[in-house]
C-alpha cells in the first residue's frame, strides 16, 4: 500500500491552502466527504467569497490571542493579498472593509485547483478514524484505507451539515489524547425571550445598530427574523455571547434627545428608523407616541434607552443556521509555527477545527488560509 508523505483530511479553505503550498516533491493526497472540493468557499459571500477584511487583528477573534498573533505573523492579511495578486486574483473591497472575489468564488477555487494538480484527490470519502502505528498514520474511510507519514486534519466544524460537516476532527484529536473544546454554534442568529417577542413581529425589517456584548462594541446591520434577531452585527455578537445580557443601540449615528429638540412631529416620525420599528420600539420602552413638544423629562429618561436597549437573548438558532462553530482543538495543544500537535509528531490541525473563531466579515477565511499556509511551511521545513 502506498505511503503518502502528507494526507490532508478536508478539501476546504485551510486544507486546499495547505496542499497548494506544500513542496511539489512530496506525495500528497486530499480526502473529503463531499463530491466536489471547496464547497463552503463556493457558496460563501453570495458565491463571491468574503476572503478577508481591511480591519484585521487578533481582537476580531475568540481564542488564544498570542497563538492567533503568531500565526498571522507568519502569514498575514497582506501576505494573503500578495499571494492572490501573484495568482492574478485582485479582490474588490466592499463597504470599505470586506475583500471579495470580483465576480465569483470560482476565481479563488481555480487557484487551488491549479496548485493541487499534483495531489491525489479522493472525494465522497467519509472519514471514519485515524490511528498511528509506529511512525505511520493509518486513515480509514468508508471506501478506502490510507497510510501516511503526516496527517493534516482540516475537517472544519459542525455547521453546514448539508455540506458534510461533522465533529470528526475533534473525535480524531480525542483519540490521540489531545484536549478539545466541544463545538457550539457561532455567527448565528439569537432567539429572544417573551418580553422581546415584538422583535419577531418585525421580521424582514433591518436597521444599522451597535451591539455591546462581553466588553465589545460591534457595528453593522441588524435584521429582525421570525425566530428573533439576525444580520451581520448579531452574527458577530453571537460569537462573544454565552449567556446574560446584550445591549443594542438602535441609533448609533444620532442622539435621540437632539432629534426631538424643537420638532413638532410625533416621536415615531422623528426617529430615523422604519416606522413599524419606531412604533414597536416606543411600545417596548413603554413610551406613548406623543408630539415631541409634549415630551417630559420622564419620557426623555425612557427615550435614551433607544441607545442602550438591554436584554438577555433566550439562545441561538442552532448549528443548522450557524456560519461557523466556536470551539475545537485547544491551541495550547498545537505549535503556532507549524500547527503540529505538540504531543503527536506528524499530526496537524488547521482551520475551523482549531479553537479559533472570527467575527463575520472574512475573518474565518483569513484564519483558514493563514493556518493552512503555516502548516505547509512547517511541513516543508521539517
Protein backbone atom coordinates (compact mmCIF):
# COMPACT_ATOMS: atom_id res chain seq x y z
CA UNK A 1 0.00 0.00 0.00
CA UNK A 2 1.28 3.46 -0.94
CA UNK A 3 2.53 5.58 1.94
CA UNK A 4 1.86 9.28 1.30
CA UNK A 5 4.18 11.92 2.66
CA UNK A 6 1.14 14.04 3.60
CA UNK A 7 -2.53 13.12 3.81
CA UNK A 8 -4.92 16.09 4.19
CA UNK A 9 -8.36 15.41 5.63
CA UNK A 10 -10.70 18.03 4.19
CA UNK A 11 -10.84 19.90 0.87
CA UNK A 12 -11.99 23.23 2.29
CA UNK A 13 -10.19 26.57 2.56
CA UNK A 14 -7.49 25.51 5.03
CA UNK A 15 -6.85 22.09 3.50
CA UNK A 16 -6.57 23.47 -0.03
CA UNK A 17 -4.30 26.31 1.08
CA UNK A 18 -2.05 23.81 2.80
CA UNK A 19 -1.95 21.46 -0.20
CA UNK A 20 -1.27 24.35 -2.60
CA UNK A 21 1.83 25.41 -0.68
CA UNK A 22 3.42 22.04 0.06
CA UNK A 23 6.67 21.17 -1.65
CA UNK A 24 5.80 19.59 -5.02
CA UNK A 25 8.32 16.83 -4.34
CA UNK A 26 6.08 15.47 -1.59
CA UNK A 27 3.46 12.84 -2.34
CA UNK A 28 0.19 14.37 -1.17
CA UNK A 29 -3.45 13.26 -1.08
CA UNK A 30 -6.65 15.04 -0.02
CA UNK A 31 -9.63 13.12 1.34
CA UNK A 32 -13.07 14.73 1.56
CA UNK A 33 -16.62 13.50 2.10
CA UNK A 34 -18.12 15.85 -0.50
CA UNK A 35 -18.42 15.23 -4.22
CA UNK A 36 -16.51 18.44 -5.04
CA UNK A 37 -13.75 20.47 -3.40
CA UNK A 38 -14.23 23.88 -1.75
CA UNK A 39 -17.97 23.55 -1.21
CA UNK A 40 -18.12 26.18 1.53
CA UNK A 41 -15.92 28.61 -0.42
CA UNK A 42 -18.22 28.13 -3.39
CA UNK A 43 -21.39 29.30 -1.64
CA UNK A 44 -19.96 31.85 0.80
CA UNK A 45 -20.50 35.59 0.48
CA UNK A 46 -23.29 35.22 -2.04
CA UNK A 47 -20.97 32.95 -4.11
CA UNK A 48 -18.29 35.66 -4.17
CA UNK A 49 -16.37 34.56 -1.03
CA UNK A 50 -15.57 37.20 1.57
CA UNK A 51 -11.83 36.43 1.62
CA UNK A 52 -10.57 38.74 4.36
CA UNK A 53 -11.07 42.16 5.97
CA UNK A 54 -9.29 45.53 5.87
CA UNK A 55 -9.57 45.74 9.68
CA UNK A 56 -7.82 42.58 10.79
CA UNK A 57 -6.36 41.93 14.22
CA UNK A 58 -6.33 39.17 16.81
CA UNK A 59 -9.04 41.14 18.65
CA UNK A 60 -11.52 40.10 15.94
CA UNK A 61 -11.25 36.51 17.16
CA UNK A 62 -12.43 34.35 20.03
CA UNK A 63 -9.39 32.31 21.00
CA UNK A 64 -5.86 32.50 22.39
CA UNK A 65 -4.67 35.96 21.28
CA UNK A 66 -0.95 35.14 21.37
CA UNK A 67 -1.45 31.96 19.36
CA UNK A 68 -3.50 33.84 16.74
CA UNK A 69 -0.90 36.63 16.62
CA UNK A 70 1.92 34.15 15.98
CA UNK A 71 0.03 32.51 13.10
CA UNK A 72 -0.74 35.89 11.50
CA UNK A 73 2.88 36.97 11.97
CA UNK A 74 3.85 34.10 9.66
CA UNK A 75 1.07 34.68 7.12
CA UNK A 76 -0.78 37.98 7.43
CA UNK A 77 -3.61 39.60 5.50
CA UNK A 78 -1.04 41.41 3.36
CA UNK A 79 0.70 38.11 2.68
CA UNK A 80 -2.64 36.65 1.57
CA UNK A 81 -3.33 39.60 -0.75
CA UNK A 82 0.17 39.26 -2.25
CA UNK A 83 -0.42 35.54 -2.75
CA UNK A 84 -3.70 36.23 -4.56
CA UNK A 85 -2.12 39.01 -6.65
CA UNK A 86 0.68 36.66 -7.66
CA UNK A 87 -2.04 34.29 -8.86
CA UNK A 88 -3.87 37.02 -10.84
CA UNK A 89 -6.73 37.50 -8.39
CA UNK A 90 -7.44 41.09 -7.36
CA UNK A 91 -10.14 41.15 -4.67
CA UNK A 92 -12.56 44.07 -4.55
CA UNK A 93 -13.33 45.93 -1.30
CA UNK A 94 -16.97 46.44 -0.33
CA UNK A 95 -18.28 48.76 2.41
CA UNK A 96 -14.64 49.87 2.83
CA UNK A 97 -13.99 46.68 4.83
CA UNK A 98 -14.70 43.40 3.09
CA UNK A 99 -12.50 41.77 0.45
CA UNK A 100 -14.49 39.70 -2.06
CA UNK A 101 -13.70 37.91 -5.30
CA UNK A 102 -14.63 40.32 -8.09
CA UNK A 103 -17.04 38.08 -9.99
CA UNK A 104 -17.23 34.65 -8.39
CA UNK A 105 -15.72 32.42 -5.70
CA UNK A 106 -14.60 30.22 -8.61
CA UNK A 107 -11.72 32.70 -9.01
CA UNK A 108 -10.07 31.59 -5.77
CA UNK A 109 -11.10 27.96 -6.22
CA UNK A 110 -9.34 27.91 -9.61
CA UNK A 111 -6.09 28.99 -7.89
CA UNK A 112 -6.28 25.99 -5.59
CA UNK A 113 -7.10 23.67 -8.49
CA UNK A 114 -4.06 24.94 -10.38
CA UNK A 115 -1.73 24.41 -7.42
CA UNK A 116 -3.02 20.96 -6.47
CA UNK A 117 -2.79 19.23 -9.85
CA UNK A 118 -0.06 17.01 -8.41
CA UNK A 119 -2.29 15.98 -5.49
CA UNK A 120 -4.30 12.75 -5.41
CA UNK A 121 -7.91 13.61 -4.68
CA UNK A 122 -10.34 11.22 -3.02
CA UNK A 123 -13.89 12.60 -2.86
CA UNK A 124 -17.11 11.10 -1.47
CA UNK A 125 -14.86 9.55 1.19
CA UNK A 126 -16.32 9.84 4.67
CA UNK A 127 -13.54 9.65 7.26
CA UNK A 128 -14.05 7.05 10.00
CA UNK A 129 -10.88 7.07 12.07
CA UNK A 130 -7.16 7.84 12.26
CA UNK A 131 -4.58 5.69 14.07
CA UNK A 132 -0.81 5.68 14.30
CA UNK A 133 1.34 2.55 14.08
CA UNK A 134 4.95 3.40 14.77
CA UNK A 135 5.81 6.37 12.54
CA UNK A 136 2.97 5.77 10.07
CA UNK A 137 -0.62 7.00 10.29
CA UNK A 138 -3.49 4.86 9.09
CA UNK A 139 -6.70 6.54 7.94
CA UNK A 140 -9.90 4.62 7.29
CA UNK A 141 -12.77 5.98 5.22
CA UNK A 142 -15.98 4.26 4.13
CA UNK A 143 -14.28 3.33 0.86
CA UNK A 144 -10.50 3.37 1.33
CA UNK A 145 -7.63 2.68 3.69
CA UNK A 146 -4.72 5.15 3.57
CA UNK A 147 -1.24 5.27 5.06
CA UNK A 148 0.79 8.45 5.51
CA UNK A 149 3.82 9.86 7.28
CA UNK A 150 1.95 13.04 8.19
CA UNK A 151 -1.77 13.78 8.56
CA UNK A 152 -3.34 17.24 8.41
CA UNK A 153 -6.81 17.47 9.94
CA UNK A 154 -8.74 20.20 8.09
CA UNK A 155 -12.23 18.81 8.59
CA UNK A 156 -13.94 22.05 9.71
CA UNK A 157 -16.77 22.31 12.22
CA UNK A 158 -20.34 21.08 12.63
CA UNK A 159 -22.18 23.89 10.84
CA UNK A 160 -23.39 23.35 7.24
CA UNK A 161 -24.35 19.72 7.78
CA UNK A 162 -25.69 19.63 4.21
CA UNK A 163 -22.07 20.06 3.09
CA UNK A 164 -20.96 17.06 5.10
CA UNK A 165 -19.91 18.96 8.23
CA UNK A 166 -19.25 16.88 11.34
CA UNK A 167 -17.15 16.78 14.50
CA UNK A 168 -14.84 14.04 13.17
CA UNK A 169 -11.85 16.37 13.65
CA UNK A 170 -12.49 16.55 17.37
CA UNK A 171 -13.00 12.79 17.56
CA UNK A 172 -9.63 12.28 15.87
CA UNK A 173 -7.97 14.67 18.33
CA UNK A 174 -9.55 12.99 21.35
CA UNK A 175 -8.48 9.55 20.13
CA UNK A 176 -4.87 10.78 20.44
CA UNK A 177 -5.45 12.29 23.89
CA UNK A 178 -5.45 15.86 22.56
CA UNK A 179 -7.66 18.29 24.51
CA UNK A 180 -10.61 19.89 22.73
CA UNK A 181 -13.46 22.28 23.39
CA UNK A 182 -16.71 20.84 22.04
CA UNK A 183 -18.27 22.71 19.14
CA UNK A 184 -21.11 25.17 19.67
CA UNK A 185 -22.90 27.32 17.05
CA UNK A 186 -21.28 30.68 16.24
CA UNK A 187 -22.05 33.52 13.83
CA UNK A 188 -25.71 32.65 14.28
CA UNK A 189 -28.98 34.47 14.94
CA UNK A 190 -30.22 34.90 18.52
CA UNK A 191 -33.63 33.87 19.80
CA UNK A 192 -35.50 36.15 22.22
CA UNK A 193 -37.43 35.93 25.48
CA UNK A 194 -41.17 36.59 25.67
CA UNK A 195 -40.55 40.27 26.58
CA UNK A 196 -38.82 40.75 23.21
CA UNK A 197 -41.35 38.89 21.03
CA UNK A 198 -42.15 42.28 19.48
CA UNK A 199 -38.91 41.84 17.54
CA UNK A 200 -40.23 38.69 15.83
CA UNK A 201 -43.26 40.63 14.59
CA UNK A 202 -40.88 42.90 12.65
CA UNK A 203 -39.45 40.00 10.61
CA UNK A 204 -37.85 41.28 7.41
CA UNK A 205 -37.05 44.79 8.69
CA UNK A 206 -33.45 45.86 9.22
CA UNK A 207 -31.50 48.77 10.66
CA UNK A 208 -27.90 49.76 11.36
CA UNK A 209 -27.09 49.16 15.03
CA UNK A 210 -24.36 48.78 17.62
CA UNK A 211 -24.36 45.80 19.97
CA UNK A 212 -22.44 45.74 23.25
CA UNK A 213 -21.53 42.24 24.38
CA UNK A 214 -18.80 40.94 26.68
CA UNK A 215 -16.97 44.28 26.68
CA UNK A 216 -17.00 44.62 22.89
CA UNK A 217 -18.95 47.03 20.67
CA UNK A 218 -19.88 45.65 17.26
CA UNK A 219 -21.31 47.77 14.43
CA UNK A 220 -23.26 46.59 11.39
CA UNK A 221 -26.73 45.79 10.12
CA UNK A 222 -29.32 44.12 12.37
CA UNK A 223 -32.10 42.04 10.81
CA UNK A 224 -35.34 41.09 12.53
CA UNK A 225 -36.27 37.46 11.88
CA UNK A 226 -39.09 35.00 12.62
CA UNK A 227 -37.02 33.40 15.38
CA UNK A 228 -35.54 36.60 16.84
CA UNK A 229 -32.69 38.78 15.56
CA UNK A 230 -30.03 38.16 12.95
CA UNK A 231 -27.94 40.14 10.44
CA UNK A 232 -24.18 40.82 10.43
CA UNK A 233 -23.96 42.63 13.78
CA UNK A 234 -25.95 39.92 15.58
CA UNK A 235 -23.94 37.11 14.00
CA UNK A 236 -20.69 38.67 15.20
CA UNK A 237 -22.20 39.37 18.63
CA UNK A 238 -23.20 35.71 18.94
CA UNK A 239 -19.51 34.80 18.88
CA UNK A 240 -18.99 36.51 22.24
CA UNK A 241 -22.39 35.87 23.86
CA UNK A 242 -22.67 32.83 26.10
CA UNK A 243 -25.47 33.90 28.43
CA UNK A 244 -26.64 37.07 30.14
CA UNK A 245 -27.41 40.49 28.68
CA UNK A 246 -26.50 42.27 25.48
CA UNK A 247 -27.26 45.91 24.72
CA UNK A 248 -28.44 47.36 21.39
CA UNK A 249 -28.02 50.97 20.28
CA UNK A 250 -30.69 51.38 17.60
CA UNK A 251 -29.49 54.89 16.69
CA UNK A 252 -25.67 54.73 16.80
CA UNK A 253 -25.23 57.72 14.49
CA UNK A 254 -27.77 60.01 16.19
CA UNK A 255 -28.70 61.39 19.59
CA UNK A 256 -32.39 60.82 20.24
CA UNK A 257 -32.69 63.87 22.52
CA UNK A 258 -31.14 66.11 19.84
CA UNK A 259 -33.52 64.72 17.22
CA UNK A 260 -36.65 65.62 19.15
CA UNK A 261 -35.44 69.07 20.20
CA UNK A 262 -37.69 71.72 18.63
CA UNK A 263 -39.60 69.24 16.46
CA UNK A 264 -43.38 69.46 16.09
CA UNK A 265 -43.70 65.88 14.76
CA UNK A 266 -44.76 62.70 16.56
CA UNK A 267 -41.95 60.79 18.24
CA UNK A 268 -42.30 57.83 15.83
CA UNK A 269 -41.90 60.20 12.86
CA UNK A 270 -38.74 61.83 14.20
CA UNK A 271 -36.92 58.58 14.95
CA UNK A 272 -34.93 57.78 11.73
CA UNK A 273 -35.94 54.13 11.59
CA UNK A 274 -38.62 52.24 9.63
CA UNK A 275 -41.97 53.47 11.02
CA UNK A 276 -43.03 49.99 12.18
CA UNK A 277 -39.79 49.65 14.11
CA UNK A 278 -40.07 53.14 15.65
CA UNK A 279 -43.59 52.42 16.90
CA UNK A 280 -42.66 48.96 18.20
CA UNK A 281 -39.59 50.33 19.96
CA UNK A 282 -41.59 53.07 21.69
CA UNK A 283 -44.15 50.50 22.81
CA UNK A 284 -41.40 48.19 24.11
CA UNK A 285 -40.00 51.09 26.12
CA UNK A 286 -43.48 51.93 27.43
CA UNK A 287 -43.44 55.36 25.75
CA UNK A 288 -46.59 56.98 24.37
CA UNK A 289 -46.18 58.21 20.77
CA UNK A 290 -46.74 61.87 21.59
CA UNK A 291 -45.68 65.05 19.81
CA UNK A 292 -42.07 65.93 20.54
CA UNK A 293 -43.06 69.21 22.23
CA UNK A 294 -45.04 67.17 24.79
CA UNK A 295 -42.06 65.04 25.80
CA UNK A 296 -41.49 65.21 29.55
CA UNK A 297 -38.30 64.55 31.48
CA UNK A 298 -39.72 61.16 32.44
CA UNK A 299 -40.18 60.30 28.76
CA UNK A 300 -36.68 61.53 27.99
CA UNK A 301 -35.27 59.11 30.57
CA UNK A 302 -37.05 56.26 28.78
CA UNK A 303 -36.10 57.50 25.30
CA UNK A 304 -32.36 57.29 25.94
CA UNK A 305 -32.81 53.53 26.27
CA UNK A 306 -33.05 53.51 22.47
CA UNK A 307 -29.25 53.82 22.71
CA UNK A 308 -28.99 51.12 25.37
CA UNK A 309 -31.79 48.56 24.98
CA UNK A 310 -30.58 45.81 27.29
CA UNK A 311 -31.95 42.28 27.39
CA UNK A 312 -30.91 38.63 27.65
CA UNK A 313 -31.33 36.51 24.50
CA UNK A 314 -33.00 33.13 25.03
CA UNK A 315 -30.50 31.20 22.91
CA UNK A 316 -29.43 30.91 19.28
CA UNK A 317 -30.75 29.47 16.00
CA UNK A 318 -28.55 26.35 16.30
CA UNK A 319 -26.00 24.53 14.14
CA UNK A 320 -28.26 24.40 11.08
CA UNK A 321 -28.20 28.21 10.81
CA UNK A 322 -24.66 28.83 12.09
CA UNK A 323 -21.99 30.16 9.72
CA UNK A 324 -19.20 28.54 11.75
CA UNK A 325 -18.52 26.83 15.08
CA UNK A 326 -16.90 28.05 18.25
CA UNK A 327 -14.59 25.52 19.91
CA UNK A 328 -12.18 22.95 18.53
CA UNK A 329 -8.73 21.59 19.30
CA UNK A 330 -7.25 23.74 22.06
CA UNK A 331 -4.49 25.98 20.74
CA UNK A 332 -2.33 25.11 23.76
CA UNK A 333 -2.02 21.63 22.21
CA UNK A 334 -0.51 23.00 18.95
CA UNK A 335 2.70 24.63 17.73
CA UNK A 336 1.67 28.04 16.28
CA UNK A 337 4.58 27.95 13.82
CA UNK A 338 3.56 24.64 12.21
CA UNK A 339 0.08 23.75 13.60
CA UNK A 340 1.55 20.37 14.64
CA UNK A 341 0.22 18.67 17.76
CA UNK A 342 2.86 19.09 20.46
CA UNK A 343 2.46 15.53 21.74
CA UNK A 344 1.75 13.68 18.46
CA UNK A 345 4.53 14.07 15.91
CA UNK A 346 3.25 14.30 12.34
CA UNK A 347 -0.37 15.20 13.24
CA UNK A 348 -1.55 18.71 12.34
CA UNK A 349 -4.80 20.65 12.86
CA UNK A 350 -5.82 23.71 10.81
CA UNK A 351 -8.80 25.93 10.04
CA UNK A 352 -12.12 25.76 11.85
CA UNK A 353 -11.25 22.55 13.69
CA UNK A 354 -8.90 24.66 15.86
CA UNK A 355 -10.36 26.65 18.79
CA UNK A 356 -10.07 29.99 16.97
CA UNK A 357 -13.22 31.65 15.63
CA UNK A 358 -13.50 35.02 13.92
CA UNK A 359 -16.26 37.58 13.62
CA UNK A 360 -18.34 37.83 10.46
CA UNK A 361 -16.62 39.50 7.53
CA UNK A 362 -13.85 37.34 6.08
CA UNK A 363 -12.10 36.68 9.38
CA UNK A 364 -12.65 32.93 9.34
CA UNK A 365 -11.41 32.51 5.77
CA UNK A 366 -8.32 34.54 6.70
CA UNK A 367 -7.74 32.17 9.63
CA UNK A 368 -8.23 29.14 7.38
CA UNK A 369 -5.79 30.45 4.77
CA UNK A 370 -3.20 31.57 7.34
CA UNK A 371 -3.27 28.36 9.38
CA UNK A 372 -3.16 26.28 6.18
CA UNK A 373 -0.13 28.18 4.90
CA UNK A 374 1.66 27.98 8.28
CA UNK A 375 1.08 24.22 8.32
CA UNK A 376 2.50 23.79 4.81
CA UNK A 377 5.54 25.88 5.71
CA UNK A 378 6.08 23.81 8.86
CA UNK A 379 5.92 20.55 6.89
CA UNK A 380 8.21 21.84 4.13
CA UNK A 381 10.85 22.92 6.65
CA UNK A 382 10.67 19.72 8.70
